[in-house]
Amino acid sequence: MATTEDRLDLADCLGMAVPHDLDDRPGDPVVTEQWLGAPALSYARRPATVIDALDRAVRLHADRPGWTEGDVHLSWQQFADRVERAADSLRARGLGPGEAVAVASGNTLDLAVLLFACARASLVMVGLNTRLAPPQWAYMVEHMQTRLRLASGPFLDQLDGAEPLGDVLREAPERSWAAGPSGLAEEATYQVVFTSGTTGRPKASQVVHRASVHSGMSYQRVLLLGPEDVTAVLFPMYYISAMHAHVLPAMLAGARLVLVDSQSPREYVELLRREGVTWAYAVPSWWRLALRAGLDDLSRLSRVAAGGAPFPLDLQDGLRSALPGVRLHDVYGLSETHSPGCILHDQDFAEHAGTVGRPLDCMEAEVRDESGKPCRQGEAGELWLRGSLVTTGYAGDAEATAAAIVDGWFDTGDIVRVCEHGFVTVLDRSKDMINRGGTKVFSAELEELLRRHPLIEDAAVVGIPDVLGGEAIAAYLVVRAPVTPAEVRVWVREGMADYAAPKVVEVVEALPRNAVGKTDKQALRALT
């Protein structure tokens, strides 16, 4: 088992950026460097790119178990060899630097190999969300002007012009990983992740080497993974958190990755048990289903996180009860921050429950009002983040990039409050904030209040047109037992404010969610 010092010592990384005034002590001190034309907190000792991170894994952990997909197991050396061959195959197709490759696939080793092969060959992988209907892929494929389309399994017949993923990856002869510095630019884009589109048309957020490395190192600092750890990659490889919360931290630690390609919580729990998983991360709605499936006999599971949506207090209590001794984390992040922006650590839950923690070591946070001026402490405003995890922008959309990133600061679009100790409470999306006769109602606050009702299991609220107030509130509830609209309104008036009481109360079997588990507010608005 590696020591904590071993796990954090990244000074031997190939392609590392080390200012001359730093000594050789173990660790990864935070310094200020230029990024996006502005000062940015940065890890001083780091791999230059994700390919350099893979090269380091081969150098330090070549024969250790690296990847598991069902009955297939690869060491880090074997995985890197597959990447090298796949990169050769893509180059042989005549694809040049910066060109895009679209792919529709389950969460497989071939998909993981393609992602690193695109990075190795200076290409851009466009992962197509397989839970979307194929017509929705058309915009993504066209927007990125993809040169090659790949697919596997049932998706091969659904993506026009697609070739078999596995066959293409293995067109070139086998050869071993070519060790050494990658020579790639740290600001280069190697993937795009389309934003979820819950508030509008999805944008192609650029995934860049420098920000990916900082994201992976940030998770590694929090989780302290070692070579004996095992992480379950539930998020698909086309989603931002798969690479950054799982693959890169495991690569830095020499840990093992287990790919999950199932939508069954019961099968997921069985996989956690069978593979001896120690680190697991999912959206809150998934953890709620996993609890129902039974989280028993998971003695190796030591770290659990929820993210992508509010982490209800009752769910936190349920996980602690089912998994005594596990370390909980609440992760707040976005595609544009390469997964994390803030993290609530286990030791802070008791005193700061309901927050998403504080910004990461390489992130700064600022709360601004509608005019763009900094808010006073405790005032609600839009959260802006700056640091080495922030994307360079949106592919093919200079206007959206200029609006979202200003002087290195990224506008998250989330309404938050920050307390005197720096803990961030997310109140709403700026586009989801409800203006009731000039009074602001933050949906996250109201939804959490509704979930605390003993008969309500889950809740979502949206604004609807109202002649008198401009907007009224519609609440959609998943209930444990029947509850009347009048009872709901009394609960809200007593727990929050009279103006926050919903005009419309609807009971539904389940809340509509997008492919990554977030509540689909567009779908809810369509119901009103």
Protein backbone atom coordinates (compact mmCIF):
# COMPACT_ATOMS: atom_id res chain seq x y z
CA MET A 1 0.00 0.00 0.00
CA ALA A 2 1.41 3.39 -0.98
CA THR A 3 1.88 5.98 1.73
CA THR A 4 0.13 9.33 1.64
CA GLU A 5 3.45 10.91 0.72
CA ASP A 6 3.85 8.52 -2.21
CA ARG A 7 0.35 9.22 -3.45
CA LEU A 8 0.88 12.96 -3.54
CA ASP A 9 4.39 12.98 -4.97
CA LEU A 10 3.94 14.02 -8.58
CA ALA A 11 7.36 15.62 -9.00
CA ASP A 12 8.56 12.80 -11.23
CA CYS A 13 5.90 13.43 -13.87
CA LEU A 14 7.09 13.65 -17.44
CA GLY A 15 6.49 16.97 -19.09
CA MET A 16 6.03 18.61 -15.70
CA ALA A 17 6.02 22.38 -15.29
CA VAL A 18 8.28 23.22 -12.33
CA PRO A 19 9.28 26.82 -11.55
CA HIS A 20 12.97 27.07 -10.68
CA ASP A 21 12.33 28.55 -7.24
CA LEU A 22 10.57 25.40 -5.98
CA ASP A 23 12.47 22.79 -4.04
CA ASP A 24 12.22 19.03 -4.48
CA ARG A 25 9.97 18.28 -1.53
CA PRO A 26 7.19 15.76 -2.21
CA GLY A 27 3.80 17.16 -3.06
CA ASP A 28 2.25 19.51 -5.55
CA PRO A 29 2.38 23.11 -4.26
CA VAL A 30 -0.08 25.61 -5.66
CA VAL A 31 1.39 28.58 -7.53
CA THR A 32 -0.01 31.32 -9.75
CA GLU A 33 0.44 30.95 -13.51
CA GLN A 34 -1.21 32.50 -16.55
CA TRP A 35 -4.25 30.71 -17.95
CA LEU A 36 -6.91 32.15 -20.24
CA GLY A 37 -5.00 35.42 -20.22
CA ALA A 38 -5.31 35.86 -16.47
CA PRO A 39 -3.65 34.71 -13.23
CA ALA A 40 -4.76 31.21 -12.29
CA LEU A 41 -3.99 28.99 -9.33
CA SER A 42 -2.06 26.00 -10.64
CA TYR A 43 -0.32 22.85 -9.44
CA ALA A 44 3.38 23.50 -9.84
CA ARG A 45 4.37 19.87 -10.49
CA ARG A 46 2.09 18.09 -12.90
CA PRO A 47 1.98 16.03 -16.10
CA ALA A 48 1.74 18.38 -19.05
CA THR A 49 -1.09 16.42 -20.69
CA VAL A 50 -3.31 13.40 -20.14
CA ILE A 51 -0.95 11.45 -22.42
CA ASP A 52 1.96 12.32 -20.14
CA ALA A 53 -0.18 11.12 -17.23
CA LEU A 54 -0.67 7.81 -19.02
CA ASP A 55 3.05 7.61 -19.78
CA ARG A 56 3.76 8.11 -16.09
CA ALA A 57 1.30 5.31 -15.19
CA VAL A 58 3.13 2.96 -17.56
CA ARG A 59 6.48 3.95 -16.10
CA LEU A 60 5.43 3.51 -12.46
CA HIS A 61 2.62 0.93 -12.63
CA ALA A 62 3.11 -0.94 -15.93
CA ASP A 63 2.13 -4.41 -14.73
CA ARG A 64 -0.46 -3.41 -12.15
CA PRO A 65 -4.15 -4.06 -12.93
CA GLY A 66 -5.48 -0.98 -14.67
CA TRP A 67 -8.82 -1.66 -16.33
CA THR A 68 -11.65 -4.15 -15.95
CA GLU A 69 -14.59 -4.64 -18.31
CA GLY A 70 -16.55 -7.75 -17.41
CA ASP A 71 -14.10 -10.64 -17.67
CA VAL A 72 -11.47 -8.58 -19.52
CA HIS A 73 -8.57 -7.23 -17.46
CA LEU A 74 -5.77 -4.97 -18.72
CA SER A 75 -2.64 -3.73 -17.01
CA TRP A 76 -1.62 -0.11 -17.51
CA GLN A 77 0.99 -1.28 -20.02
CA GLN A 78 -1.57 -3.29 -21.99
CA PHE A 79 -4.00 -0.39 -22.05
CA ALA A 80 -1.30 2.00 -23.27
CA ASP A 81 -0.30 -0.47 -25.99
CA ARG A 82 -3.90 -0.51 -27.21
CA VAL A 83 -3.96 3.29 -27.23
CA GLU A 84 -0.76 3.44 -29.32
CA ARG A 85 -2.16 1.01 -31.89
CA ALA A 86 -5.49 2.90 -32.05
CA ALA A 87 -3.71 6.23 -32.54
CA ASP A 88 -1.77 4.70 -35.44
CA SER A 89 -5.06 3.45 -36.91
CA LEU A 90 -6.61 6.91 -36.76
CA ARG A 91 -3.57 8.60 -38.28
CA ALA A 92 -3.56 6.03 -41.11
CA ARG A 93 -7.06 7.22 -41.98
CA GLY A 94 -5.59 10.60 -42.89
CA LEU A 95 -7.08 12.44 -39.93
CA GLY A 96 -5.16 15.61 -39.09
CA PRO A 97 -4.66 17.59 -35.86
CA GLY A 98 -7.85 19.10 -34.48
CA GLU A 99 -10.21 17.02 -36.61
CA ALA A 100 -13.19 15.40 -34.89
CA VAL A 101 -14.22 11.76 -34.45
CA ALA A 102 -17.82 11.06 -33.39
CA VAL A 103 -18.61 7.89 -31.47
CA ALA A 104 -21.72 6.18 -30.12
CA SER A 105 -20.85 3.36 -27.74
CA GLY A 106 -21.57 1.82 -24.40
CA ASN A 107 -19.14 2.33 -21.53
CA THR A 108 -16.49 -0.03 -22.88
CA LEU A 109 -12.73 -0.42 -23.03
CA ASP A 110 -12.85 0.43 -26.73
CA LEU A 111 -14.45 3.77 -25.91
CA ALA A 112 -11.78 4.50 -23.29
CA VAL A 113 -9.03 3.52 -25.75
CA LEU A 114 -10.54 5.81 -28.40
CA LEU A 115 -10.54 8.77 -26.03
CA PHE A 116 -6.84 8.43 -25.27
CA ALA A 117 -6.03 7.59 -28.89
CA CYS A 118 -7.67 10.84 -30.00
CA ALA A 119 -5.57 12.69 -27.43
CA ARG A 120 -2.42 10.84 -28.59
CA ALA A 121 -3.09 11.69 -32.27
CA SER A 122 -4.10 15.34 -31.61
CA LEU A 123 -7.71 14.61 -32.59
CA VAL A 124 -10.96 15.54 -30.85
CA MET A 125 -13.39 12.86 -29.63
CA VAL A 126 -17.08 13.74 -29.82
CA GLY A 127 -18.89 11.29 -27.55
CA LEU A 128 -22.57 10.93 -28.42
CA ASN A 129 -24.90 10.45 -25.47
CA THR A 130 -26.42 7.03 -26.10
CA ARG A 131 -29.52 7.86 -24.08
CA LEU A 132 -30.47 10.52 -26.60
CA ALA A 133 -32.51 9.67 -29.66
CA PRO A 134 -30.32 9.39 -32.78
CA PRO A 135 -31.89 12.49 -34.43
CA GLN A 136 -30.47 14.52 -31.53
CA TRP A 137 -26.96 13.37 -32.48
CA ALA A 138 -27.26 15.08 -35.86
CA TYR A 139 -26.69 18.56 -34.45
CA MET A 140 -23.59 17.44 -32.52
CA VAL A 141 -22.08 15.62 -35.51
CA GLU A 142 -22.75 18.55 -37.83
CA HIS A 143 -21.62 21.21 -35.36
CA MET A 144 -18.25 19.52 -34.88
CA GLN A 145 -17.84 18.75 -38.61
CA THR A 146 -16.77 15.22 -37.74
CA ARG A 147 -14.50 13.44 -40.24
CA LEU A 148 -15.08 9.94 -38.90
CA ARG A 149 -18.09 8.29 -37.25
CA LEU A 150 -17.72 5.19 -35.11
CA ALA A 151 -20.19 3.07 -33.18
CA SER A 152 -20.48 -0.26 -31.42
CA GLY A 153 -23.25 -2.74 -30.66
CA PRO A 154 -26.81 -1.57 -31.34
CA PHE A 155 -25.64 1.98 -32.04
CA LEU A 156 -23.90 0.94 -35.25
CA ASP A 157 -27.24 0.89 -37.07
CA GLN A 158 -28.41 4.13 -35.46
CA LEU A 159 -25.55 6.48 -36.40
CA ASP A 160 -25.56 7.32 -40.10
CA GLY A 161 -22.27 6.49 -41.80
CA ALA A 162 -20.78 4.82 -38.74
CA GLU A 163 -18.04 2.19 -38.89
CA PRO A 164 -17.44 -0.49 -36.22
CA LEU A 165 -15.46 1.08 -33.36
CA GLY A 166 -13.43 -2.00 -32.44
CA ASP A 167 -12.48 -2.81 -36.03
CA VAL A 168 -11.19 0.70 -36.70
CA LEU A 169 -9.14 0.79 -33.48
CA ARG A 170 -7.32 -2.38 -34.53
CA GLU A 171 -6.61 -1.61 -38.18
CA ALA A 172 -2.94 -0.81 -37.54
CA PRO A 173 -0.42 -3.48 -36.46
CA GLU A 174 0.12 -4.09 -32.76
CA ARG A 175 2.96 -2.18 -31.15
CA SER A 176 4.15 -1.18 -27.70
CA TRP A 177 3.65 2.19 -26.08
CA ALA A 178 6.28 4.72 -27.18
CA ALA A 179 7.52 6.07 -23.86
CA GLY A 180 8.59 9.65 -23.31
CA PRO A 181 7.18 13.19 -23.19
CA SER A 182 4.18 13.61 -25.48
CA GLY A 183 5.19 16.93 -26.99
CA LEU A 184 1.51 17.92 -27.06
CA ALA A 185 0.34 21.42 -26.16
CA GLU A 186 -1.30 21.60 -22.76
CA GLU A 187 -3.95 23.98 -24.11
CA ALA A 188 -4.98 21.57 -26.88
CA THR A 189 -8.54 20.21 -27.01
CA TYR A 190 -8.80 16.41 -27.15
CA GLN A 191 -12.53 15.96 -26.50
CA VAL A 192 -15.72 17.98 -26.43
CA VAL A 193 -18.51 17.32 -23.97
CA PHE A 194 -21.90 18.68 -24.90
CA THR A 195 -23.60 20.45 -22.03
CA SER A 196 -26.81 18.82 -20.84
CA GLY A 197 -29.05 21.33 -22.56
CA THR A 198 -31.59 21.50 -19.71
CA THR A 199 -31.82 25.28 -20.22
CA GLY A 200 -31.29 25.50 -24.00
CA ARG A 201 -29.39 24.04 -26.97
CA PRO A 202 -26.30 22.12 -25.81
CA LYS A 203 -22.87 23.68 -26.29
CA ALA A 204 -19.64 21.82 -27.06
CA SER A 205 -17.47 22.45 -24.03
CA GLN A 206 -13.82 21.94 -24.91
CA VAL A 207 -11.92 19.40 -22.81
CA VAL A 208 -8.27 20.48 -22.69
CA HIS A 209 -5.16 18.76 -21.37
CA ARG A 210 -4.12 21.33 -18.77
CA ALA A 211 -7.56 21.56 -17.17
CA SER A 212 -8.02 17.78 -17.23
CA VAL A 213 -4.73 17.23 -15.43
CA HIS A 214 -5.65 19.78 -12.77
CA SER A 215 -9.07 18.19 -12.34
CA GLY A 216 -7.65 14.68 -11.95
CA MET A 217 -5.04 15.90 -9.48
CA SER A 218 -7.72 17.75 -7.50
CA TYR A 219 -9.75 14.58 -7.07
CA GLN A 220 -6.57 12.69 -6.20
CA ARG A 221 -5.76 15.18 -3.45
CA VAL A 222 -9.24 14.79 -1.97
CA LEU A 223 -9.56 11.02 -2.31
CA LEU A 224 -5.96 9.96 -1.61
CA LEU A 225 -6.30 6.90 -3.83
CA GLY A 226 -3.51 4.32 -3.76
CA PRO A 227 -2.55 1.32 -5.90
CA GLU A 228 -4.86 -1.00 -3.95
CA ASP A 229 -7.94 1.11 -4.62
CA VAL A 230 -10.67 0.22 -7.10
CA THR A 231 -13.01 2.78 -8.68
CA ALA A 232 -16.32 2.06 -10.43
CA VAL A 233 -16.79 4.21 -13.54
CA LEU A 234 -20.56 4.57 -13.64
CA PHE A 235 -20.50 7.80 -15.64
CA PRO A 236 -20.06 7.05 -19.36
CA MET A 237 -16.78 8.04 -20.94
CA TYR A 238 -18.49 10.76 -22.99
CA TYR A 239 -19.49 12.50 -19.73
CA ILE A 240 -17.10 14.89 -18.01
CA SER A 241 -16.83 13.12 -14.64
CA ALA A 242 -15.80 9.72 -16.00
CA MET A 243 -12.37 10.93 -17.09
CA HIS A 244 -11.79 13.39 -14.29
CA ALA A 245 -13.27 11.82 -11.16
CA HIS A 246 -12.21 8.28 -12.02
CA VAL A 247 -9.76 7.67 -14.86
CA LEU A 248 -7.16 10.35 -14.20
CA PRO A 249 -7.11 9.98 -10.38
CA ALA A 250 -6.74 6.20 -10.77
CA MET A 251 -4.02 6.70 -13.38
CA LEU A 252 -2.09 8.98 -11.03
CA ALA A 253 -2.45 6.45 -8.20
CA GLY A 254 -1.93 3.22 -10.14
CA ALA A 255 -5.40 2.12 -9.01
CA ARG A 256 -7.82 -0.12 -10.92
CA LEU A 257 -10.83 1.08 -12.95
CA VAL A 258 -13.99 -0.98 -13.38
CA LEU A 259 -16.21 0.11 -16.27
CA VAL A 260 -19.95 0.01 -15.59
CA ASP A 261 -22.29 -0.39 -18.55
CA SER A 262 -25.61 -1.00 -16.85
CA GLN A 263 -28.66 1.05 -15.92
CA SER A 264 -29.64 -1.35 -13.14
CA PRO A 265 -28.90 -0.11 -9.61
CA ARG A 266 -29.10 -3.70 -8.37
CA GLU A 267 -26.44 -4.82 -10.86
CA TYR A 268 -24.35 -1.80 -9.92
CA VAL A 269 -24.43 -2.68 -6.22
CA GLU A 270 -23.50 -6.26 -7.06
CA LEU A 271 -20.54 -4.99 -9.11
CA LEU A 272 -19.38 -2.83 -6.18
CA ARG A 273 -19.46 -5.91 -3.98
CA ARG A 274 -17.89 -8.33 -6.47
CA GLU A 275 -15.02 -6.05 -7.54
CA GLY A 276 -14.23 -4.72 -4.05
CA VAL A 277 -14.80 -1.12 -5.13
CA THR A 278 -13.41 1.52 -2.77
CA TRP A 279 -14.48 4.75 -4.58
CA ALA A 280 -17.91 5.32 -6.11
CA TYR A 281 -19.59 8.44 -7.49
CA ALA A 282 -23.10 8.94 -8.86
CA VAL A 283 -25.92 11.46 -9.10
CA PRO A 284 -28.20 11.59 -6.01
CA SER A 285 -31.15 9.98 -7.80
CA TRP A 286 -28.97 6.95 -8.59
CA TRP A 287 -27.83 6.62 -4.96
CA ARG A 288 -31.46 6.69 -3.86
CA LEU A 289 -32.21 3.75 -6.15
CA ALA A 290 -29.05 1.97 -4.99
CA LEU A 291 -30.19 2.33 -1.38
CA ARG A 292 -33.45 0.62 -2.27
CA ALA A 293 -31.45 -2.19 -3.88
CA GLY A 294 -29.56 -2.64 -0.59
CA LEU A 295 -26.05 -1.41 0.12
CA ASP A 296 -25.07 -4.29 2.35
CA ASP A 297 -21.76 -6.18 2.52
CA LEU A 298 -19.73 -3.35 0.95
CA SER A 299 -16.95 -3.35 3.50
CA ARG A 300 -14.30 -2.11 1.03
CA LEU A 301 -16.31 0.92 -0.08
CA SER A 302 -14.62 3.77 1.75
CA ARG A 303 -15.36 6.88 -0.36
CA VAL A 304 -18.71 7.91 -1.84
CA ALA A 305 -19.70 11.11 -3.64
CA ALA A 306 -22.84 12.59 -5.10
CA GLY A 307 -22.94 15.37 -7.67
CA GLY A 308 -24.78 16.78 -10.67
CA ALA A 309 -27.85 17.70 -8.61
CA PRO A 310 -28.71 18.74 -5.02
CA PHE A 311 -27.73 16.12 -2.42
CA PRO A 312 -30.84 15.82 -0.18
CA LEU A 313 -30.25 15.65 3.56
CA ASP A 314 -32.34 12.52 4.00
CA LEU A 315 -30.26 10.78 1.32
CA GLN A 316 -27.07 11.76 3.13
CA ASP A 317 -28.49 10.21 6.32
CA GLY A 318 -29.54 7.07 4.42
CA LEU A 319 -26.07 6.56 2.95
CA ARG A 320 -24.38 7.07 6.31
CA SER A 321 -26.72 4.55 7.90
CA ALA A 322 -26.21 1.96 5.16
CA LEU A 323 -22.45 2.56 4.85
CA PRO A 324 -21.08 3.28 8.32
CA GLY A 325 -17.56 4.64 8.22
CA VAL A 326 -17.70 5.70 4.57
CA ARG A 327 -16.37 9.18 3.71
CA LEU A 328 -19.04 11.25 1.96
CA HIS A 329 -18.37 14.03 -0.53
CA ASP A 330 -20.73 16.45 -2.24
CA VAL A 331 -19.28 17.59 -5.57
CA TYR A 332 -20.33 20.74 -7.37
CA GLY A 333 -19.03 21.19 -10.86
CA LEU A 334 -19.74 21.66 -14.51
CA SER A 335 -18.49 20.42 -17.85
CA GLU A 336 -16.77 23.78 -18.21
CA THR A 337 -14.72 23.19 -15.04
CA HIS A 338 -13.76 19.65 -16.09
CA SER A 339 -16.03 18.18 -13.40
CA PRO A 340 -15.29 19.71 -9.97
CA GLY A 341 -15.47 23.33 -8.85
CA CYS A 342 -16.26 22.93 -5.15
CA ILE A 343 -16.27 19.90 -2.88
CA LEU A 344 -17.84 19.40 0.55
CA HIS A 345 -15.54 17.10 2.51
CA ASP A 346 -16.78 14.43 4.89
CA GLN A 347 -15.65 16.26 8.00
CA ASP A 348 -17.64 19.37 7.01
CA PHE A 349 -21.06 17.76 6.52
CA ALA A 350 -22.18 18.15 10.12
CA GLU A 351 -21.58 21.89 10.32
CA HIS A 352 -22.14 22.84 6.68
CA ALA A 353 -24.79 20.40 5.43
CA GLY A 354 -26.72 21.83 2.51
CA THR A 355 -23.65 23.51 1.02
CA VAL A 356 -21.43 22.19 -1.75
CA GLY A 357 -18.29 22.94 0.20
CA ARG A 358 -15.51 25.33 -0.77
CA PRO A 359 -13.65 25.89 -4.03
CA LEU A 360 -10.82 23.50 -4.87
CA ASP A 361 -7.20 24.43 -4.27
CA CYS A 362 -6.78 25.60 -7.88
CA MET A 363 -10.07 27.49 -8.08
CA GLU A 364 -11.19 30.94 -6.94
CA ALA A 365 -14.84 31.90 -6.46
CA GLU A 366 -16.58 35.24 -6.71
CA VAL A 367 -20.28 36.09 -6.30
CA ARG A 368 -21.54 38.89 -8.57
CA ASP A 369 -24.80 40.78 -8.88
CA GLU A 370 -26.77 41.33 -12.09
CA SER A 371 -24.54 44.26 -13.05
CA GLY A 372 -21.40 42.13 -12.70
CA LYS A 373 -20.20 43.77 -9.48
CA PRO A 374 -19.06 41.62 -6.51
CA CYS A 375 -21.78 40.98 -3.95
CA ARG A 376 -21.38 41.58 -0.26
CA GLN A 377 -20.79 38.51 1.86
CA GLY A 378 -23.96 36.47 2.28
CA GLU A 379 -25.79 38.11 -0.60
CA ALA A 380 -27.15 35.92 -3.36
CA GLY A 381 -25.64 36.33 -6.81
CA GLU A 382 -24.13 34.48 -9.75
CA LEU A 383 -21.11 32.28 -9.06
CA TRP A 384 -18.00 32.98 -11.14
CA LEU A 385 -15.02 30.62 -10.99
CA ARG A 386 -11.42 31.13 -12.08
CA GLY A 387 -8.53 28.68 -12.11
CA SER A 388 -6.68 26.03 -14.03
CA LEU A 389 -9.72 23.75 -14.31
CA VAL A 390 -11.69 26.17 -16.48
CA THR A 391 -12.20 25.34 -20.16
CA THR A 392 -10.89 27.42 -23.03
CA GLY A 393 -14.45 27.77 -24.32
CA TYR A 394 -17.08 26.26 -26.58
CA ALA A 395 -16.07 24.72 -29.91
CA GLY A 396 -17.50 26.62 -32.84
CA ASP A 397 -19.21 29.24 -30.68
CA ALA A 398 -17.05 32.30 -30.11
CA GLU A 399 -20.03 34.36 -28.96
CA ALA A 400 -20.98 31.92 -26.20
CA THR A 401 -17.33 31.65 -25.16
CA ALA A 402 -16.94 35.42 -24.87
CA ALA A 403 -20.12 35.66 -22.80
CA ALA A 404 -19.14 32.85 -20.43
CA ILE A 405 -15.41 33.52 -19.87
CA VAL A 406 -14.27 37.04 -18.99
CA ASP A 407 -10.69 37.78 -17.83
CA GLY A 408 -10.28 34.12 -16.94
CA TRP A 409 -13.49 34.04 -14.89
CA PHE A 410 -16.20 31.56 -15.91
CA ASP A 411 -19.84 32.47 -15.33
CA THR A 412 -21.47 29.30 -14.00
CA GLY A 413 -25.01 30.66 -14.33
CA ASP A 414 -25.76 29.37 -10.83
CA ILE A 415 -27.18 31.58 -8.07
CA VAL A 416 -25.34 31.01 -4.78
CA ARG A 417 -24.57 32.41 -1.37
CA VAL A 418 -21.12 32.13 0.23
CA CYS A 419 -20.75 32.23 4.01
CA GLU A 420 -17.93 33.87 5.95
CA HIS A 421 -16.02 30.57 5.96
CA GLY A 422 -16.18 30.24 2.19
CA PHE A 423 -18.81 27.48 1.95
CA VAL A 424 -21.01 27.77 -1.13
CA THR A 425 -24.77 27.17 -1.10
CA VAL A 426 -26.32 26.71 -4.54
CA LEU A 427 -29.76 28.30 -4.70
CA ASP A 428 -30.75 28.03 -8.34
CA ARG A 429 -29.81 28.24 -11.98
CA SER A 430 -30.05 31.88 -13.04
CA LYS A 431 -32.50 30.85 -15.77
CA ASP A 432 -34.55 28.81 -13.30
CA MET A 433 -34.90 31.49 -10.63
CA ILE A 434 -38.58 32.35 -10.23
CA ASN A 435 -39.57 36.03 -10.00
CA ARG A 436 -42.84 36.17 -8.10
CA GLY A 437 -44.08 39.77 -8.23
CA GLY A 438 -40.56 41.11 -7.86
CA THR A 439 -39.65 38.63 -5.11
CA LYS A 440 -37.05 35.99 -5.96
CA VAL A 441 -37.77 32.35 -5.22
CA PHE A 442 -34.78 30.03 -5.49
CA SER A 443 -35.91 26.62 -6.66
CA ALA A 444 -33.17 24.64 -4.86
CA GLU A 445 -34.23 26.08 -1.49
CA LEU A 446 -37.90 25.39 -2.16
CA GLU A 447 -37.23 21.88 -3.45
CA GLU A 448 -35.20 21.00 -0.35
CA LEU A 449 -38.02 22.26 1.87
CA LEU A 450 -40.53 20.14 -0.04
CA ARG A 451 -38.33 17.05 0.30
CA ARG A 452 -38.35 17.50 4.08
CA HIS A 453 -42.11 16.93 4.13
CA PRO A 454 -42.66 13.44 5.59
CA LEU A 455 -44.89 12.38 2.68
CA ILE A 456 -42.75 13.77 -0.16
CA GLU A 457 -39.85 11.75 -1.54
CA ASP A 458 -38.68 14.06 -4.33
CA ALA A 459 -39.65 17.44 -5.74
CA ALA A 460 -38.95 19.89 -8.53
CA VAL A 461 -40.37 23.36 -9.12
CA VAL A 462 -40.52 25.63 -12.16
CA GLY A 463 -41.90 29.06 -12.93
CA ILE A 464 -45.09 29.37 -14.97
CA PRO A 465 -46.72 32.49 -16.45
CA ASP A 466 -49.02 34.38 -14.10
CA VAL A 467 -51.12 37.45 -14.93
CA LEU A 468 -50.76 39.12 -11.55
CA GLY A 469 -47.29 38.11 -10.37
CA GLY A 470 -45.52 37.66 -13.68
CA GLU A 471 -44.56 34.17 -12.60
CA ALA A 472 -46.16 31.60 -10.34
CA ILE A 473 -44.76 28.31 -9.08
CA ALA A 474 -45.58 24.81 -10.23
CA ALA A 475 -44.41 21.95 -8.01
CA TYR A 476 -44.03 18.37 -9.24
CA LEU A 477 -43.86 15.81 -6.47
CA VAL A 478 -42.98 12.15 -6.05
CA VAL A 479 -44.82 11.10 -2.89
CA ARG A 480 -44.63 8.28 -0.37
CA ALA A 481 -48.34 8.64 0.48
CA PRO A 482 -51.14 10.90 -0.73
CA VAL A 483 -50.76 14.59 0.08
CA THR A 484 -53.14 17.41 -0.90
CA PRO A 485 -52.15 20.68 -2.61
CA ALA A 486 -53.46 22.56 0.41
CA GLU A 487 -51.16 20.62 2.73
CA VAL A 488 -48.21 21.37 0.46
CA ARG A 489 -48.98 25.11 0.42
CA VAL A 490 -49.27 25.26 4.21
CA TRP A 491 -45.92 23.45 4.53
CA VAL A 492 -44.24 26.01 2.26
CA ARG A 493 -45.86 29.05 3.91
CA GLU A 494 -44.78 27.86 7.36
CA GLY A 495 -41.31 26.75 6.30
CA MET A 496 -40.35 29.46 3.81
CA ALA A 497 -42.72 32.26 2.75
CA ASP A 498 -46.28 32.81 1.55
CA TYR A 499 -45.10 34.00 -1.87
CA ALA A 500 -43.22 30.68 -2.35
CA ALA A 501 -46.38 28.56 -2.06
CA PRO A 502 -46.95 26.74 -5.36
CA LYS A 503 -49.97 27.64 -7.44
CA VAL A 504 -49.87 24.28 -9.19
CA VAL A 505 -49.17 21.01 -7.36
CA GLU A 506 -48.87 17.85 -9.43
CA VAL A 507 -48.02 14.33 -8.24
CA VAL A 508 -45.94 12.33 -10.72
CA GLU A 509 -44.55 8.80 -10.67
CA ALA A 510 -41.04 10.06 -11.36
CA LEU A 511 -39.35 13.33 -12.24
CA PRO A 512 -38.10 13.59 -15.82
CA ARG A 513 -34.32 13.45 -15.95
CA ASN A 514 -31.74 13.92 -18.63
CA ALA A 515 -29.09 11.34 -19.50
CA VAL A 516 -26.87 12.20 -16.54
CA GLY A 517 -29.61 12.23 -13.90
CA LYS A 518 -30.34 15.95 -13.63
CA THR A 519 -33.97 17.05 -13.41
CA ASP A 520 -35.12 18.07 -16.88
CA LYS A 521 -36.83 21.38 -16.21
CA GLN A 522 -37.63 21.93 -19.87
CA ALA A 523 -39.70 18.75 -19.81
CA LEU A 524 -41.50 19.95 -16.68
CA ARG A 525 -42.30 23.32 -18.24
CA ALA A 526 -43.76 21.49 -21.21
CA LEU A 527 -46.26 19.84 -18.83
CA THR A 528 -47.69 23.16 -17.63
